[in-house]
All heavy atoms as atom14 arrays in JSON, in Angstrom:
{
  "sequence": "GRFVLAVVELHAARPNLHRILFEEADHPPRVHACVLRFEEALAHAL",
  "atom14_mask": [
    [1, 1, 1, 1, 0, 0, 0, 0, 0, 0, 0, 0, 0, 0],
    [1, 1, 1, 1, 1, 1, 1, 1, 1, 1, 1, 0, 0, 0],
    [1, 1, 1, 1, 1, 1, 1, 1, 1, 1, 1, 0, 0, 0],
    [1, 1, 1, 1, 1, 1, 1, 0, 0, 0, 0, 0, 0, 0],
    [1, 1, 1, 1, 1, 1, 1, 1, 0, 0, 0, 0, 0, 0],
    [1, 1, 1, 1, 1, 0, 0, 0, 0, 0, 0, 0, 0, 0],
    [1, 1, 1, 1, 1, 1, 1, 0, 0, 0, 0, 0, 0, 0],
    [1, 1, 1, 1, 1, 1, 1, 0, 0, 0, 0, 0, 0, 0],
    [1, 1, 1, 1, 1, 1, 1, 1, 1, 0, 0, 0, 0, 0],
    [1, 1, 1, 1, 1, 1, 1, 1, 0, 0, 0, 0, 0, 0],
    [1, 1, 1, 1, 1, 1, 1, 1, 1, 1, 0, 0, 0, 0],
    [1, 1, 1, 1, 1, 0, 0, 0, 0, 0, 0, 0, 0, 0],
    [1, 1, 1, 1, 1, 0, 0, 0, 0, 0, 0, 0, 0, 0],
    [1, 1, 1, 1, 1, 1, 1, 1, 1, 1, 1, 0, 0, 0],
    [1, 1, 1, 1, 1, 1, 1, 0, 0, 0, 0, 0, 0, 0],
    [1, 1, 1, 1, 1, 1, 1, 1, 0, 0, 0, 0, 0, 0],
    [1, 1, 1, 1, 1, 1, 1, 1, 0, 0, 0, 0, 0, 0],
    [1, 1, 1, 1, 1, 1, 1, 1, 1, 1, 0, 0, 0, 0],
    [1, 1, 1, 1, 1, 1, 1, 1, 1, 1, 1, 0, 0, 0],
    [1, 1, 1, 1, 1, 1, 1, 1, 0, 0, 0, 0, 0, 0],
    [1, 1, 1, 1, 1, 1, 1, 1, 0, 0, 0, 0, 0, 0],
    [1, 1, 1, 1, 1, 1, 1, 1, 1, 1, 1, 0, 0, 0],
    [1, 1, 1, 1, 1, 1, 1, 1, 1, 0, 0, 0, 0, 0],
    [1, 1, 1, 1, 1, 1, 1, 1, 1, 0, 0, 0, 0, 0],
    [1, 1, 1, 1, 1, 0, 0, 0, 0, 0, 0, 0, 0, 0],
    [1, 1, 1, 1, 1, 1, 1, 1, 0, 0, 0, 0, 0, 0],
    [1, 1, 1, 1, 1, 1, 1, 1, 1, 1, 0, 0, 0, 0],
    [1, 1, 1, 1, 1, 1, 1, 0, 0, 0, 0, 0, 0, 0],
    [1, 1, 1, 1, 1, 1, 1, 0, 0, 0, 0, 0, 0, 0],
    [1, 1, 1, 1, 1, 1, 1, 1, 1, 1, 1, 0, 0, 0],
    [1, 1, 1, 1, 1, 1, 1, 0, 0, 0, 0, 0, 0, 0],
    [1, 1, 1, 1, 1, 1, 1, 1, 1, 1, 0, 0, 0, 0],
    [1, 1, 1, 1, 1, 0, 0, 0, 0, 0, 0, 0, 0, 0],
    [1, 1, 1, 1, 1, 1, 0, 0, 0, 0, 0, 0, 0, 0],
    [1, 1, 1, 1, 1, 1, 1, 0, 0, 0, 0, 0, 0, 0],
    [1, 1, 1, 1, 1, 1, 1, 1, 0, 0, 0, 0, 0, 0],
    [1, 1, 1, 1, 1, 1, 1, 1, 1, 1, 1, 0, 0, 0],
    [1, 1, 1, 1, 1, 1, 1, 1, 1, 1, 1, 0, 0, 0],
    [1, 1, 1, 1, 1, 1, 1, 1, 1, 0, 0, 0, 0, 0],
    [1, 1, 1, 1, 1, 1, 1, 1, 1, 0, 0, 0, 0, 0],
    [1, 1, 1, 1, 1, 0, 0, 0, 0, 0, 0, 0, 0, 0],
    [1, 1, 1, 1, 1, 1, 1, 1, 0, 0, 0, 0, 0, 0],
    [1, 1, 1, 1, 1, 0, 0, 0, 0, 0, 0, 0, 0, 0],
    [1, 1, 1, 1, 1, 1, 1, 1, 1, 1, 0, 0, 0, 0],
    [1, 1, 1, 1, 1, 0, 0, 0, 0, 0, 0, 0, 0, 0],
    [1, 1, 1, 1, 1, 1, 1, 1, 0, 0, 0, 0, 0, 0]
  ],
  "atom14_positions": [
    [[0.82, -1.21, 0.0], [0.0, 0.0, 0.0], [0.85, 1.25, 0.0], [0.55, 2.22, -0.73], [0.0, 0.0, 0.0], [0.0, 0.0, 0.0], [0.0, 0.0, 0.0], [0.0, 0.0, 0.0], [0.0, 0.0, 0.0], [0.0, 0.0, 0.0], [0.0, 0.0, 0.0], [0.0, 0.0, 0.0], [0.0, 0.0, 0.0], [0.0, 0.0, 0.0]],
    [[1.92, 1.26, 0.77], [2.81, 2.42, 0.78], [3.54, 2.56, -0.55], [3.79, 3.67, -1.02], [3.82, 2.29, 1.93], [3.21, 2.45, 3.3], [4.24, 2.7, 4.39], [5.23, 1.66, 4.5], [6.53, 1.81, 4.23], [6.99, 3.0, 3.82], [7.38, 0.81, 4.38], [0.0, 0.0, 0.0], [0.0, 0.0, 0.0], [0.0, 0.0, 0.0]],
    [[3.87, 1.42, -1.16], [4.54, 1.44, -2.46], [3.61, 2.01, -3.54], [4.01, 2.89, -4.31], [4.97, 0.02, -2.83], [5.62, -0.09, -4.18], [6.81, 0.58, -4.46], [5.05, -0.88, -5.18], [7.41, 0.47, -5.71], [5.65, -0.99, -6.42], [6.82, -0.31, -6.69], [0.0, 0.0, 0.0], [0.0, 0.0, 0.0], [0.0, 0.0, 0.0]],
    [[2.38, 1.55, -3.58], [1.42, 2.05, -4.56], [1.19, 3.55, -4.37], [1.18, 4.32, -5.34], [0.08, 1.29, -4.46], [-0.97, 1.92, -5.37], [0.28, -0.18, -4.83], [0.0, 0.0, 0.0], [0.0, 0.0, 0.0], [0.0, 0.0, 0.0], [0.0, 0.0, 0.0], [0.0, 0.0, 0.0], [0.0, 0.0, 0.0], [0.0, 0.0, 0.0]],
    [[1.01, 3.96, -3.13], [0.81, 5.38, -2.83], [1.99, 6.21, -3.32], [1.8, 7.27, -3.94], [0.63, 5.57, -1.32], [0.59, 7.03, -0.82], [-0.56, 7.79, -1.45], [0.51, 7.06, 0.7], [0.0, 0.0, 0.0], [0.0, 0.0, 0.0], [0.0, 0.0, 0.0], [0.0, 0.0, 0.0], [0.0, 0.0, 0.0], [0.0, 0.0, 0.0]],
    [[3.19, 5.75, -3.06], [4.38, 6.51, -3.46], [4.48, 6.61, -4.98], [4.84, 7.66, -5.52], [5.64, 5.84, -2.9], [0.0, 0.0, 0.0], [0.0, 0.0, 0.0], [0.0, 0.0, 0.0], [0.0, 0.0, 0.0], [0.0, 0.0, 0.0], [0.0, 0.0, 0.0], [0.0, 0.0, 0.0], [0.0, 0.0, 0.0], [0.0, 0.0, 0.0]],
    [[4.19, 5.52, -5.69], [4.25, 5.55, -7.15], [3.22, 6.53, -7.7], [3.52, 7.32, -8.61], [4.03, 4.14, -7.74], [3.94, 4.2, -9.27], [5.15, 3.2, -7.33], [0.0, 0.0, 0.0], [0.0, 0.0, 0.0], [0.0, 0.0, 0.0], [0.0, 0.0, 0.0], [0.0, 0.0, 0.0], [0.0, 0.0, 0.0], [0.0, 0.0, 0.0]],
    [[2.02, 6.52, -7.15], [0.98, 7.46, -7.59], [1.42, 8.9, -7.34], [1.28, 9.77, -8.2], [-0.35, 7.18, -6.86], [-1.35, 8.31, -7.12], [-0.94, 5.86, -7.33], [0.0, 0.0, 0.0], [0.0, 0.0, 0.0], [0.0, 0.0, 0.0], [0.0, 0.0, 0.0], [0.0, 0.0, 0.0], [0.0, 0.0, 0.0], [0.0, 0.0, 0.0]],
    [[1.98, 9.17, -6.17], [2.42, 10.52, -5.84], [3.53, 10.99, -6.77], [3.57, 12.16, -7.18], [2.86, 10.59, -4.38], [1.71, 10.48, -3.4], [2.17, 10.56, -1.95], [3.36, 10.26, -1.69], [1.34, 10.91, -1.09], [0.0, 0.0, 0.0], [0.0, 0.0, 0.0], [0.0, 0.0, 0.0], [0.0, 0.0, 0.0], [0.0, 0.0, 0.0]],
    [[4.46, 10.1, -7.1], [5.55, 10.47, -8.0], [5.02, 10.78, -9.4], [5.48, 11.72, -10.05], [6.58, 9.34, -8.06], [7.46, 9.18, -6.81], [8.26, 7.89, -6.88], [8.4, 10.37, -6.64], [0.0, 0.0, 0.0], [0.0, 0.0, 0.0], [0.0, 0.0, 0.0], [0.0, 0.0, 0.0], [0.0, 0.0, 0.0], [0.0, 0.0, 0.0]],
    [[4.07, 9.99, -9.86], [3.49, 10.25, -11.18], [2.67, 11.53, -11.19], [2.65, 12.27, -12.18], [2.61, 9.07, -11.6], [3.37, 7.91, -12.13], [3.34, 7.52, -13.45], [4.21, 7.04, -11.52], [4.1, 6.46, -13.62], [4.65, 6.15, -12.47], [0.0, 0.0, 0.0], [0.0, 0.0, 0.0], [0.0, 0.0, 0.0], [0.0, 0.0, 0.0]],
    [[1.99, 11.79, -10.07], [1.1, 12.94, -10.0], [1.83, 14.25, -9.74], [1.27, 15.33, -9.94], [0.04, 12.72, -8.91], [0.0, 0.0, 0.0], [0.0, 0.0, 0.0], [0.0, 0.0, 0.0], [0.0, 0.0, 0.0], [0.0, 0.0, 0.0], [0.0, 0.0, 0.0], [0.0, 0.0, 0.0], [0.0, 0.0, 0.0], [0.0, 0.0, 0.0]],
    [[3.07, 14.17, -9.3], [3.82, 15.39, -8.97], [4.01, 16.26, -10.2], [3.85, 17.48, -10.15], [5.17, 15.02, -8.35], [0.0, 0.0, 0.0], [0.0, 0.0, 0.0], [0.0, 0.0, 0.0], [0.0, 0.0, 0.0], [0.0, 0.0, 0.0], [0.0, 0.0, 0.0], [0.0, 0.0, 0.0], [0.0, 0.0, 0.0], [0.0, 0.0, 0.0]],
    [[4.36, 15.66, -11.34], [4.56, 16.39, -12.59], [4.02, 15.53, -13.74], [4.78, 15.02, -14.55], [6.04, 16.71, -12.8], [6.66, 17.47, -11.64], [8.11, 17.84, -11.88], [8.24, 18.98, -12.78], [9.4, 19.61, -13.01], [10.51, 19.19, -12.38], [9.47, 20.62, -13.84], [0.0, 0.0, 0.0], [0.0, 0.0, 0.0], [0.0, 0.0, 0.0]],
    [[2.71, 15.37, -13.8], [2.12, 14.45, -14.79], [2.4, 14.82, -16.23], [2.63, 13.93, -17.06], [0.62, 14.51, -14.48], [0.43, 15.82, -13.77], [1.68, 16.03, -12.99], [0.0, 0.0, 0.0], [0.0, 0.0, 0.0], [0.0, 0.0, 0.0], [0.0, 0.0, 0.0], [0.0, 0.0, 0.0], [0.0, 0.0, 0.0], [0.0, 0.0, 0.0]],
    [[2.39, 16.11, -16.56], [2.66, 16.5, -17.95], [4.08, 16.14, -18.37], [4.32, 15.66, -19.48], [2.43, 18.0, -18.14], [0.95, 18.36, -18.1], [0.09, 17.52, -18.36], [0.65, 19.6, -17.78], [0.0, 0.0, 0.0], [0.0, 0.0, 0.0], [0.0, 0.0, 0.0], [0.0, 0.0, 0.0], [0.0, 0.0, 0.0], [0.0, 0.0, 0.0]],
    [[5.02, 16.38, -17.47], [6.41, 16.04, -17.77], [6.56, 14.53, -17.93], [7.25, 14.05, -18.85], [7.33, 16.55, -16.66], [8.82, 16.22, -16.83], [9.38, 16.86, -18.09], [9.61, 16.68, -15.6], [0.0, 0.0, 0.0], [0.0, 0.0, 0.0], [0.0, 0.0, 0.0], [0.0, 0.0, 0.0], [0.0, 0.0, 0.0], [0.0, 0.0, 0.0]],
    [[5.92, 13.78, -17.05], [6.01, 12.32, -17.12], [5.43, 11.81, -18.43], [6.0, 10.92, -19.07], [5.24, 11.71, -15.94], [5.68, 10.33, -15.6], [5.23, 9.22, -16.29], [6.55, 9.86, -14.67], [5.78, 8.13, -15.78], [6.59, 8.49, -14.81], [0.0, 0.0, 0.0], [0.0, 0.0, 0.0], [0.0, 0.0, 0.0], [0.0, 0.0, 0.0]],
    [[4.32, 12.38, -18.85], [3.7, 11.96, -20.12], [4.63, 12.26, -21.31], [4.79, 11.42, -22.21], [2.36, 12.68, -20.3], [1.71, 12.43, -21.67], [0.39, 13.18, -21.76], [0.53, 14.59, -21.46], [1.01, 15.49, -22.31], [1.42, 15.13, -23.51], [1.1, 16.76, -21.96], [0.0, 0.0, 0.0], [0.0, 0.0, 0.0], [0.0, 0.0, 0.0]],
    [[5.22, 13.43, -21.3], [6.1, 13.82, -22.41], [7.33, 12.93, -22.46], [7.73, 12.45, -23.52], [6.5, 15.3, -22.28], [5.28, 16.19, -22.59], [7.66, 15.65, -23.2], [5.47, 17.64, -22.24], [0.0, 0.0, 0.0], [0.0, 0.0, 0.0], [0.0, 0.0, 0.0], [0.0, 0.0, 0.0], [0.0, 0.0, 0.0], [0.0, 0.0, 0.0]],
    [[7.95, 12.7, -21.31], [9.18, 11.92, -21.28], [8.97, 10.46, -21.65], [9.82, 9.85, -22.31], [9.83, 12.01, -19.9], [10.39, 13.37, -19.48], [10.97, 13.29, -18.08], [11.44, 13.85, -20.46], [0.0, 0.0, 0.0], [0.0, 0.0, 0.0], [0.0, 0.0, 0.0], [0.0, 0.0, 0.0], [0.0, 0.0, 0.0], [0.0, 0.0, 0.0]],
    [[7.85, 9.89, -21.22], [7.68, 8.45, -21.38], [6.56, 8.05, -22.34], [6.28, 6.86, -22.48], [7.47, 7.82, -20.0], [8.63, 8.05, -19.08], [8.54, 8.97, -18.03], [9.83, 7.4, -19.28], [9.62, 9.21, -17.2], [10.91, 7.63, -18.44], [10.81, 8.53, -17.4], [0.0, 0.0, 0.0], [0.0, 0.0, 0.0], [0.0, 0.0, 0.0]],
    [[5.96, 9.03, -23.0], [4.97, 8.72, -24.03], [5.29, 9.44, -25.34], [5.37, 8.82, -26.39], [3.55, 9.09, -23.57], [2.95, 8.13, -22.57], [1.48, 8.41, -22.34], [0.89, 9.27, -23.02], [0.91, 7.75, -21.45], [0.0, 0.0, 0.0], [0.0, 0.0, 0.0], [0.0, 0.0, 0.0], [0.0, 0.0, 0.0], [0.0, 0.0, 0.0]],
    [[5.46, 10.76, -25.27], [5.63, 11.54, -26.49], [7.03, 11.44, -27.08], [7.19, 11.3, -28.29], [5.29, 13.01, -26.23], [3.82, 13.28, -26.0], [3.53, 14.77, -25.97], [4.36, 15.57, -26.43], [2.46, 15.14, -25.47], [0.0, 0.0, 0.0], [0.0, 0.0, 0.0], [0.0, 0.0, 0.0], [0.0, 0.0, 0.0], [0.0, 0.0, 0.0]],
    [[8.04, 11.54, -26.24], [9.42, 11.54, -26.74], [9.83, 10.15, -27.19], [9.34, 9.13, -26.69], [10.36, 12.03, -25.64], [0.0, 0.0, 0.0], [0.0, 0.0, 0.0], [0.0, 0.0, 0.0], [0.0, 0.0, 0.0], [0.0, 0.0, 0.0], [0.0, 0.0, 0.0], [0.0, 0.0, 0.0], [0.0, 0.0, 0.0], [0.0, 0.0, 0.0]],
    [[10.75, 10.11, -28.17], [11.28, 8.84, -28.63], [12.11, 8.19, -27.52], [12.72, 8.88, -26.7], [12.16, 9.04, -29.86], [11.36, 9.47, -31.08], [10.16, 9.13, -31.12], [11.92, 10.13, -31.96], [0.0, 0.0, 0.0], [0.0, 0.0, 0.0], [0.0, 0.0, 0.0], [0.0, 0.0, 0.0], [0.0, 0.0, 0.0], [0.0, 0.0, 0.0]],
    [[12.15, 6.86, -27.54], [12.89, 6.13, -26.52], [14.03, 5.35, -27.17], [13.84, 4.21, -27.62], [11.97, 5.17, -25.77], [11.07, 5.86, -24.82], [10.01, 5.23, -24.2], [11.04, 7.14, -24.38], [9.38, 6.09, -23.42], [9.99, 7.25, -23.51], [0.0, 0.0, 0.0], [0.0, 0.0, 0.0], [0.0, 0.0, 0.0], [0.0, 0.0, 0.0]],
    [[15.21, 5.93, -27.25], [16.37, 5.19, -27.78], [16.79, 4.11, -26.79], [16.32, 4.09, -25.64], [17.44, 6.29, -27.91], [17.05, 7.3, -26.88], [15.56, 7.3, -26.85], [0.0, 0.0, 0.0], [0.0, 0.0, 0.0], [0.0, 0.0, 0.0], [0.0, 0.0, 0.0], [0.0, 0.0, 0.0], [0.0, 0.0, 0.0], [0.0, 0.0, 0.0]],
    [[17.67, 3.2, -27.19], [18.11, 2.12, -26.3], [18.61, 2.6, -24.95], [18.45, 1.9, -23.94], [19.22, 1.44, -27.11], [18.84, 1.68, -28.53], [18.23, 3.05, -28.54], [0.0, 0.0, 0.0], [0.0, 0.0, 0.0], [0.0, 0.0, 0.0], [0.0, 0.0, 0.0], [0.0, 0.0, 0.0], [0.0, 0.0, 0.0], [0.0, 0.0, 0.0]],
    [[19.21, 3.77, -24.92], [19.75, 4.28, -23.65], [18.65, 4.5, -22.62], [18.83, 4.2, -21.43], [20.49, 5.58, -23.91], [21.1, 6.17, -22.65], [22.03, 7.31, -22.96], [22.44, 8.0, -21.77], [23.39, 8.91, -21.75], [24.02, 9.22, -22.86], [23.72, 9.52, -20.63], [0.0, 0.0, 0.0], [0.0, 0.0, 0.0], [0.0, 0.0, 0.0]],
    [[17.5, 5.0, -23.05], [16.39, 5.21, -22.12], [15.8, 3.86, -21.7], [15.48, 3.65, -20.52], [15.3, 6.09, -22.75], [14.06, 6.15, -21.85], [15.84, 7.51, -22.95], [0.0, 0.0, 0.0], [0.0, 0.0, 0.0], [0.0, 0.0, 0.0], [0.0, 0.0, 0.0], [0.0, 0.0, 0.0], [0.0, 0.0, 0.0], [0.0, 0.0, 0.0]],
    [[15.66, 2.94, -22.64], [15.15, 1.61, -22.3], [16.05, 0.95, -21.27], [15.57, 0.28, -20.34], [15.07, 0.75, -23.56], [13.94, 1.1, -24.47], [12.61, 0.99, -24.1], [13.93, 1.58, -25.74], [11.84, 1.37, -25.1], [12.6, 1.75, -26.1], [0.0, 0.0, 0.0], [0.0, 0.0, 0.0], [0.0, 0.0, 0.0], [0.0, 0.0, 0.0]],
    [[17.36, 1.1, -21.41], [18.29, 0.52, -20.45], [18.13, 1.14, -19.07], [18.21, 0.45, -18.05], [19.73, 0.7, -20.95], [0.0, 0.0, 0.0], [0.0, 0.0, 0.0], [0.0, 0.0, 0.0], [0.0, 0.0, 0.0], [0.0, 0.0, 0.0], [0.0, 0.0, 0.0], [0.0, 0.0, 0.0], [0.0, 0.0, 0.0], [0.0, 0.0, 0.0]],
    [[17.87, 2.44, -19.05], [17.67, 3.13, -17.78], [16.39, 2.66, -17.1], [16.35, 2.45, -15.88], [17.62, 4.64, -18.01], [17.64, 5.63, -16.5], [0.0, 0.0, 0.0], [0.0, 0.0, 0.0], [0.0, 0.0, 0.0], [0.0, 0.0, 0.0], [0.0, 0.0, 0.0], [0.0, 0.0, 0.0], [0.0, 0.0, 0.0], [0.0, 0.0, 0.0]],
    [[15.33, 2.49, -17.89], [14.06, 1.97, -17.35], [14.26, 0.57, -16.8], [13.74, 0.22, -15.73], [12.96, 1.99, -18.43], [11.71, 1.26, -17.93], [12.62, 3.41, -18.82], [0.0, 0.0, 0.0], [0.0, 0.0, 0.0], [0.0, 0.0, 0.0], [0.0, 0.0, 0.0], [0.0, 0.0, 0.0], [0.0, 0.0, 0.0], [0.0, 0.0, 0.0]],
    [[15.02, -0.25, -17.51], [15.28, -1.62, -17.06], [16.04, -1.62, -15.74], [15.7, -2.39, -14.83], [16.08, -2.37, -18.13], [16.42, -3.83, -17.79], [15.15, -4.64, -17.6], [17.28, -4.44, -18.9], [0.0, 0.0, 0.0], [0.0, 0.0, 0.0], [0.0, 0.0, 0.0], [0.0, 0.0, 0.0], [0.0, 0.0, 0.0], [0.0, 0.0, 0.0]],
    [[17.05, -0.77, -15.61], [17.79, -0.68, -14.34], [16.87, -0.24, -13.21], [16.97, -0.74, -12.08], [18.96, 0.3, -14.48], [20.09, -0.17, -15.37], [21.34, 0.68, -15.18], [21.1, 2.08, -15.46], [21.24, 2.63, -16.66], [21.58, 1.89, -17.7], [21.02, 3.92, -16.83], [0.0, 0.0, 0.0], [0.0, 0.0, 0.0], [0.0, 0.0, 0.0]],
    [[15.99, 0.69, -13.52], [15.01, 1.18, -12.54], [14.13, 0.04, -12.04], [13.98, -0.18, -10.83], [14.17, 2.26, -13.21], [12.96, 2.72, -12.44], [13.09, 3.63, -11.41], [11.7, 2.25, -12.76], [11.98, 4.08, -10.71], [10.58, 2.67, -12.07], [10.72, 3.59, -11.04], [0.0, 0.0, 0.0], [0.0, 0.0, 0.0], [0.0, 0.0, 0.0]],
    [[13.57, -0.74, -12.96], [12.68, -1.83, -12.59], [13.43, -2.94, -11.87], [12.9, -3.53, -10.9], [11.99, -2.38, -13.84], [11.02, -1.4, -14.48], [10.44, -1.92, -15.78], [10.99, -2.91, -16.33], [9.45, -1.33, -16.25], [0.0, 0.0, 0.0], [0.0, 0.0, 0.0], [0.0, 0.0, 0.0], [0.0, 0.0, 0.0], [0.0, 0.0, 0.0]],
    [[14.64, -3.25, -12.32], [15.42, -4.31, -11.7], [15.76, -3.98, -10.25], [15.71, -4.83, -9.37], [16.69, -4.57, -12.5], [16.47, -5.29, -13.82], [16.0, -6.72, -13.62], [16.43, -7.37, -12.66], [15.18, -7.17, -14.43], [0.0, 0.0, 0.0], [0.0, 0.0, 0.0], [0.0, 0.0, 0.0], [0.0, 0.0, 0.0], [0.0, 0.0, 0.0]],
    [[16.13, -2.73, -10.0], [16.5, -2.33, -8.64], [15.3, -2.46, -7.7], [15.43, -2.96, -6.58], [17.02, -0.89, -8.65], [0.0, 0.0, 0.0], [0.0, 0.0, 0.0], [0.0, 0.0, 0.0], [0.0, 0.0, 0.0], [0.0, 0.0, 0.0], [0.0, 0.0, 0.0], [0.0, 0.0, 0.0], [0.0, 0.0, 0.0], [0.0, 0.0, 0.0]],
    [[14.14, -2.0, -8.16], [12.94, -2.09, -7.32], [12.51, -3.53, -7.12], [12.14, -3.94, -6.01], [11.8, -1.29, -7.95], [12.02, 0.22, -8.12], [10.78, 0.88, -8.69], [12.4, 0.87, -6.79], [0.0, 0.0, 0.0], [0.0, 0.0, 0.0], [0.0, 0.0, 0.0], [0.0, 0.0, 0.0], [0.0, 0.0, 0.0], [0.0, 0.0, 0.0]],
    [[12.54, -4.32, -8.18], [12.12, -5.72, -8.08], [13.05, -6.5, -7.16], [12.59, -7.36, -6.39], [12.1, -6.36, -9.47], [0.0, 0.0, 0.0], [0.0, 0.0, 0.0], [0.0, 0.0, 0.0], [0.0, 0.0, 0.0], [0.0, 0.0, 0.0], [0.0, 0.0, 0.0], [0.0, 0.0, 0.0], [0.0, 0.0, 0.0], [0.0, 0.0, 0.0]],
    [[14.33, -6.23, -7.21], [15.29, -6.92, -6.35], [14.99, -6.62, -4.88], [15.0, -7.52, -4.03], [16.71, -6.49, -6.69], [17.75, -7.14, -5.83], [18.09, -8.48, -5.93], [18.53, -6.64, -4.82], [19.03, -8.77, -5.05], [19.31, -7.68, -4.36], [0.0, 0.0, 0.0], [0.0, 0.0, 0.0], [0.0, 0.0, 0.0], [0.0, 0.0, 0.0]],
    [[14.71, -5.34, -4.58], [14.39, -4.96, -3.2], [13.08, -5.59, -2.75], [12.96, -6.07, -1.61], [14.32, -3.44, -3.08], [0.0, 0.0, 0.0], [0.0, 0.0, 0.0], [0.0, 0.0, 0.0], [0.0, 0.0, 0.0], [0.0, 0.0, 0.0], [0.0, 0.0, 0.0], [0.0, 0.0, 0.0], [0.0, 0.0, 0.0], [0.0, 0.0, 0.0]],
    [[12.09, -5.59, -3.63], [10.8, -6.17, -3.27], [10.89, -7.67, -3.1], [10.25, -8.24, -2.2], [9.76, -5.83, -4.34], [8.36, -6.4, -4.13], [7.8, -5.96, -2.79], [7.44, -5.99, -5.26], [0.0, 0.0, 0.0], [0.0, 0.0, 0.0], [0.0, 0.0, 0.0], [0.0, 0.0, 0.0], [0.0, 0.0, 0.0], [0.0, 0.0, 0.0]]
  ]
}
């Protein structure tokens, strides 16, 4: 519950920026690699 709340708050803090960065802008391999590191770190802790 605390994890879900935190994710929602992070997304809601700057929703327009989040949409532009992760929906509108192109995602070269470098960004995909960064997203993968992000998910791996969280999944390992969980």
